[in-house]
Amino acid sequence: MKRNSILASLLLFFAFSLFAQTEGEVFTVEALVCDSVGTAIKDVAVCDAKNNLRSITDQDGVARIATRLGETLYFSHVSFNNKLVRIEKKDLIEDTKGRHSMLVVMRHKTNKLQEVTVTENAAHLAYENKTVWVMDYKVQDDGIYMVAGNGNASTLLHLDFEQDTISLKPIASKYQELYQDAFGNLHLIGPDSTYQIYCDGKQLHLLYGTGKEVFRQKLEPVKIVTDSIMVLQNYANMQQQLVYLMVNRNNKQISVMADLNGTTAEMARNARTDVIRDQKMDMLEAEFQEMPPIKGVTEGTLRSNFKTDEIDVERRKLMVKNFYNRIRFKPIYCPAIPIENSIYIFDFQNNNLLKYDNLGHQISTCGIDFHKTGYFKNLEMKNPWDEKLIVDAVTGQCFAQFSSDGIVTLKEIDLYDGKVKREIRLTDHSFPQNIQVYNGEVYYLFLNNTQTTRDRRSLYKMRLE
């Protein structure tokens, strides 16, 4: 009874806050646009009933729209089914500062791809097995390591570059991720534990089992290792400041290699000292943690087919809140990457490319602007940057990954002047995943959603022209 009375009070409070918004008053809504599994969708156009463009979602799937209650908005994207949304009080959530948010879920279009002719420069299967699908992979000097499964069992595979199996090992289905540390060792990652992978040329072995949290604390901060130094990554100020520490491997002395931050760091410092916890949502979340599951309602149905009952309305509000908190202070992306005998730090906060030798001494600096593409300019959609750099460990080439409407473009970056040297579009498959480049060939996973029996994710490769 106590729990029900608290829940009822909270619902009345939210209803009172939202009904304070009058029908004719214009206010700003942050629409968080995602697909049915909660992945943010960028480049979604938001139009009104007169087909006037009102906003467009950024890389985090957020569109800021000036609107009023009762207005109908039109959400469109070339890869998703169009969605009409009427601004209703029951769909809005208001935080303690009076800001309004709402969640918009869009569905993928089912497009049948044209048949691809296999040529030297066309994408073709790098691993062909119709009974399993690939969950993760890593391309290394001694071949391809892969986690594959069929829904009931999983296998760790070591293949050569001609698809021949060197070794395989059955593993628990919970292990679905591969991670390569700065020392070059490959690890098998599960939800609670990790193992180092070792192949003696004939058999695969799992060594040094450890807890996942210990593994992340010990190994993940180490980003680069040379004969003389180790480079450690350390975030501060709500992950809006990034400090690279250099550890001398001979005398263990620690010094600052680079301290990177931008205008968002000041915002994070202010937020840390002036955060007002939303007690209403905290109490509501605690209530739901104690409540038994609703009969006939699963997490999947909540994500893909939102219901209109009061409990589900509050769960939608919780989902919006969690999504908002996740994107409010997104970690800045300023990677440190070893390429051949040098270390490059891409300072995207200040638009600089910093070059160091293998001793940690800075050699040069040049400006970069390839990432500053924008989302909307001169009535044309631009090709937004995915905040991802891909390095070919053999050739030393560095590529920046961009995507628009499901098509990925790789732009090769000149490490001397920071300019784009050439562009390669991956047009054979839309929405490729986990893109890697090795020895002049690009590898990626493609989810074949035309398969009705299971989730088929296959590994493809193609020669870079």
Foldseek 3Di string as FASTA:
>chain_A
DVLVVLVVVLLVVLVVLLVVADQPDKDKEWEQEEALVRQADFQKFKAFPVRHTAWTAHLLNITIGTDGAQTWIWIDALFWDIDIDGRHSLQWGAFPVGYIYGYHYTYGDDDDFDDDDDDQFAKDFQADDPQKFWLEWDQDPQAIWTWIDRVPWIKIFGAHSNNHTQEMDTDHPQFRDWDAFQVRWIWTDGPFKIFTWDDPRRYIDTHDIDTPVVCCVPTVQFHHDDPFWTWGWDADLLQQKIWIWIAGPPPRDIDTLDIAHAPVSVVSVVCVVVPDDRVSLVSVVVSVVPDDDDPPDDPSCLSNPQDDDPVSSSVSVVSRVVSCVCPVRPRDQFDWDDFDQKIWTQRPRVQKIWIGGNNSHTDDMAGADPQVFDQADPNDGTFHWPSDWAAANPPRWIWTWTHGSQKIKTFTADNVHRDTDDIDINPNAGNWADWHDYPQKIKTWGFDVVDPPDTHIGIMMGGHD
